[in-house]
Amino acid sequence: MDTAQKGDSIEGRIMLAGGVPGRYKLCSYRDLGGGNKEAVYGYTCQDFTYDGLSATVIKGFIASKASGEAGTVGYYLCLGRYNSLVDELPDDKVMWTMPNAYPPRITVTP
């Protein structure tokens, strides 16, 4: 999926294979352009424990603003290893993010 309509429920999915076991976060963000982002209200991060072998992680969120609305460029997911109660992923903890291009990042129509 590379486009959605405002208000749509979006389901992102990542597949992990190998790597370091531990606590991870999969987060959804609204891309505000210029390197700025905002956590998707009410749907920010999903904490999960990874066994280091393989896993499929699904993250759902609502596209509440259309591209071009309130500075929104689109939406994206990022993954990091971060064991914290904070419901956001600091930039220095990000291990993977969707490439900064559209697609694969999601644009949203009104």
C-alpha atoms as a PDB file:
ATOM      1  CA  MET A   1       0.000   0.000   0.000  1.00  0.00           C
ATOM      2  CA  ASP A   2       1.402   3.387  -0.897  1.00  0.00           C
ATOM      3  CA  THR A   3      -1.758   5.529  -0.795  1.00  0.00           C
ATOM      4  CA  ALA A   4      -4.748   5.685   1.542  1.00  0.00           C
ATOM      5  CA  GLN A   5      -7.717   7.945   2.196  1.00  0.00           C
ATOM      6  CA  LYS A   6      -7.996  10.190   5.236  1.00  0.00           C
ATOM      7  CA  GLY A   7      -9.560   8.224   8.079  1.00  0.00           C
ATOM      8  CA  ASP A   8      -8.495   4.852   6.687  1.00  0.00           C
ATOM      9  CA  SER A   9      -7.147   2.219   9.009  1.00  0.00           C
ATOM     10  CA  ILE A  10      -3.633   1.324   7.842  1.00  0.00           C
ATOM     11  CA  GLU A  11      -1.844  -1.889   8.710  1.00  0.00           C
ATOM     12  CA  GLY A  12       1.936  -1.942   8.423  1.00  0.00           C
ATOM     13  CA  ARG A  13       3.803  -5.224   8.568  1.00  0.00           C
ATOM     14  CA  ILE A  14       7.496  -5.969   8.993  1.00  0.00           C
ATOM     15  CA  MET A  15       9.247  -9.320   8.929  1.00  0.00           C
ATOM     16  CA  LEU A  16      12.382  -9.896  10.991  1.00  0.00           C
ATOM     17  CA  ALA A  17      14.902 -12.703  10.480  1.00  0.00           C
ATOM     18  CA  GLY A  18      18.048 -13.189  12.538  1.00  0.00           C
ATOM     19  CA  GLY A  19      19.618 -10.475  14.625  1.00  0.00           C
ATOM     20  CA  VAL A  20      19.728  -9.667  18.300  1.00  0.00           C
ATOM     21  CA  PRO A  21      16.947 -10.851  20.633  1.00  0.00           C
ATOM     22  CA  GLY A  22      15.395  -8.322  22.991  1.00  0.00           C
ATOM     23  CA  ARG A  23      12.752  -5.639  23.469  1.00  0.00           C
ATOM     24  CA  TYR A  24      11.866  -3.602  20.386  1.00  0.00           C
ATOM     25  CA  LYS A  25       9.421  -0.890  19.344  1.00  0.00           C
ATOM     26  CA  LEU A  26       7.628  -0.520  16.020  1.00  0.00           C
ATOM     27  CA  CYS A  27       6.352   3.054  15.692  1.00  0.00           C
ATOM     28  CA  SER A  28       4.127   4.966  13.285  1.00  0.00           C
ATOM     29  CA  TYR A  29       4.806   8.618  12.503  1.00  0.00           C
ATOM     30  CA  ARG A  30       3.322  11.449  10.485  1.00  0.00           C
ATOM     31  CA  ASP A  31       6.003  12.881   8.196  1.00  0.00           C
ATOM     32  CA  LEU A  32       6.000  16.679   8.435  1.00  0.00           C
ATOM     33  CA  GLY A  33       8.831  17.175   5.926  1.00  0.00           C
ATOM     34  CA  GLY A  34      12.273  18.615   6.502  1.00  0.00           C
ATOM     35  CA  GLY A  35      13.183  15.749   8.833  1.00  0.00           C
ATOM     36  CA  ASN A  36      10.334  16.562  11.223  1.00  0.00           C
ATOM     37  CA  LYS A  37       7.888  13.983  12.474  1.00  0.00           C
ATOM     38  CA  GLU A  38       4.986  13.583  14.863  1.00  0.00           C
ATOM     39  CA  ALA A  39       3.823  10.416  16.581  1.00  0.00           C
ATOM     40  CA  VAL A  40       0.464   9.235  15.264  1.00  0.00           C
ATOM     41  CA  TYR A  41      -1.888  10.138  18.112  1.00  0.00           C
ATOM     42  CA  GLY A  42      -3.145   7.096  19.990  1.00  0.00           C
ATOM     43  CA  TYR A  43      -1.235   4.637  17.789  1.00  0.00           C
ATOM     44  CA  THR A  44       2.411   5.502  18.346  1.00  0.00           C
ATOM     45  CA  CYS A  45       4.517   2.490  19.309  1.00  0.00           C
ATOM     46  CA  GLN A  46       4.012  -1.202  19.705  1.00  0.00           C
ATOM     47  CA  ASP A  47       6.423  -2.869  22.115  1.00  0.00           C
ATOM     48  CA  PHE A  48       7.344  -6.477  21.454  1.00  0.00           C
ATOM     49  CA  THR A  49       9.932  -9.058  22.446  1.00  0.00           C
ATOM     50  CA  TYR A  50      11.937 -10.550  19.598  1.00  0.00           C
ATOM     51  CA  ASP A  51      13.563 -13.981  19.982  1.00  0.00           C
ATOM     52  CA  GLY A  52      16.349 -13.266  17.471  1.00  0.00           C
ATOM     53  CA  LEU A  53      15.093 -15.949  15.075  1.00  0.00           C
ATOM     54  CA  SER A  54      12.096 -14.670  13.118  1.00  0.00           C
ATOM     55  CA  ALA A  55       8.915 -12.686  13.610  1.00  0.00           C
ATOM     56  CA  THR A  56       6.216 -10.802  11.751  1.00  0.00           C
ATOM     57  CA  VAL A  57       5.017  -7.659  13.527  1.00  0.00           C
ATOM     58  CA  ILE A  58       1.831  -5.834  12.527  1.00  0.00           C
ATOM     59  CA  LYS A  59       1.219  -2.196  13.445  1.00  0.00           C
ATOM     60  CA  GLY A  60      -2.126  -0.545  12.809  1.00  0.00           C
ATOM     61  CA  PHE A  61      -2.950   3.160  12.862  1.00  0.00           C
ATOM     62  CA  ILE A  62      -5.442   5.670  11.461  1.00  0.00           C
ATOM     63  CA  ALA A  63      -4.412   8.200   8.805  1.00  0.00           C
ATOM     64  CA  SER A  64      -6.101  11.177  10.457  1.00  0.00           C
ATOM     65  CA  LYS A  65      -4.655  13.912   8.218  1.00  0.00           C
ATOM     66  CA  ALA A  66      -4.345  14.028   4.438  1.00  0.00           C
ATOM     67  CA  SER A  67      -1.070  14.791   2.689  1.00  0.00           C
ATOM     68  CA  GLY A  68      -0.832  18.584   2.446  1.00  0.00           C
ATOM     69  CA  GLU A  69      -3.040  19.085   5.532  1.00  0.00           C
ATOM     70  CA  ALA A  70      -1.401  20.690   8.601  1.00  0.00           C
ATOM     71  CA  GLY A  71       2.069  20.154   7.132  1.00  0.00           C
ATOM     72  CA  THR A  72       1.538  16.426   6.535  1.00  0.00           C
ATOM     73  CA  VAL A  73       3.614  14.827   3.804  1.00  0.00           C
ATOM     74  CA  GLY A  74       2.583  11.242   4.630  1.00  0.00           C
ATOM     75  CA  TYR A  75       3.054   8.410   7.112  1.00  0.00           C
ATOM     76  CA  TYR A  76       5.782   5.863   7.821  1.00  0.00           C
ATOM     77  CA  LEU A  77       6.985   3.150  10.210  1.00  0.00           C
ATOM     78  CA  CYS A  78      10.285   2.789  12.017  1.00  0.00           C
ATOM     79  CA  LEU A  79      11.795   0.078  14.211  1.00  0.00           C
ATOM     80  CA  GLY A  80      14.237   0.300  17.066  1.00  0.00           C
ATOM     81  CA  ARG A  81      15.616  -1.555  20.039  1.00  0.00           C
ATOM     82  CA  TYR A  82      14.550   0.525  22.980  1.00  0.00           C
ATOM     83  CA  ASN A  83      13.383  -0.728  26.364  1.00  0.00           C
ATOM     84  CA  SER A  84      11.509   2.231  27.769  1.00  0.00           C
ATOM     85  CA  LEU A  85       8.011   3.101  28.891  1.00  0.00           C
ATOM     86  CA  VAL A  86       8.203   6.217  26.704  1.00  0.00           C
ATOM     87  CA  ASP A  87       5.760   5.757  23.826  1.00  0.00           C
ATOM     88  CA  GLU A  88       8.107   7.130  21.193  1.00  0.00           C
ATOM     89  CA  LEU A  89      11.358   6.048  19.597  1.00  0.00           C
ATOM     90  CA  PRO A  90      14.289   8.497  19.900  1.00  0.00           C
ATOM     91  CA  ASP A  91      16.130   9.107  16.608  1.00  0.00           C
ATOM     92  CA  ASP A  92      19.356   7.606  17.971  1.00  0.00           C
ATOM     93  CA  LYS A  93      17.546   4.310  18.707  1.00  0.00           C
ATOM     94  CA  VAL A  94      16.069   3.820  15.213  1.00  0.00           C
ATOM     95  CA  MET A  95      17.474   0.713  13.500  1.00  0.00           C
ATOM     96  CA  TRP A  96      15.235   0.746  10.423  1.00  0.00           C
ATOM     97  CA  THR A  97      12.786   3.150   8.860  1.00  0.00           C
ATOM     98  CA  MET A  98      10.844   3.186   5.627  1.00  0.00           C
ATOM     99  CA  PRO A  99      12.959   4.949   2.974  1.00  0.00           C
ATOM    100  CA  ASN A 100      12.337   8.695   2.705  1.00  0.00           C
ATOM    101  CA  ALA A 101      10.477   8.459  -0.611  1.00  0.00           C
ATOM    102  CA  TYR A 102       6.851   8.202  -1.754  1.00  0.00           C
ATOM    103  CA  PRO A 103       6.296   5.317  -2.206  1.00  0.00           C
ATOM    104  CA  PRO A 104       7.095   3.347  -0.079  1.00  0.00           C
ATOM    105  CA  ARG A 105       5.946   5.934   2.494  1.00  0.00           C
ATOM    106  CA  ILE A 106       2.190   6.365   2.486  1.00  0.00           C
ATOM    107  CA  THR A 107       0.469   9.402   0.985  1.00  0.00           C
ATOM    108  CA  VAL A 108      -3.081  10.153   2.105  1.00  0.00           C
ATOM    109  CA  THR A 109      -5.835  11.715  -0.011  1.00  0.00           C
ATOM    110  CA  PRO A 110      -8.677  13.806   1.473  1.00  0.00           C
END
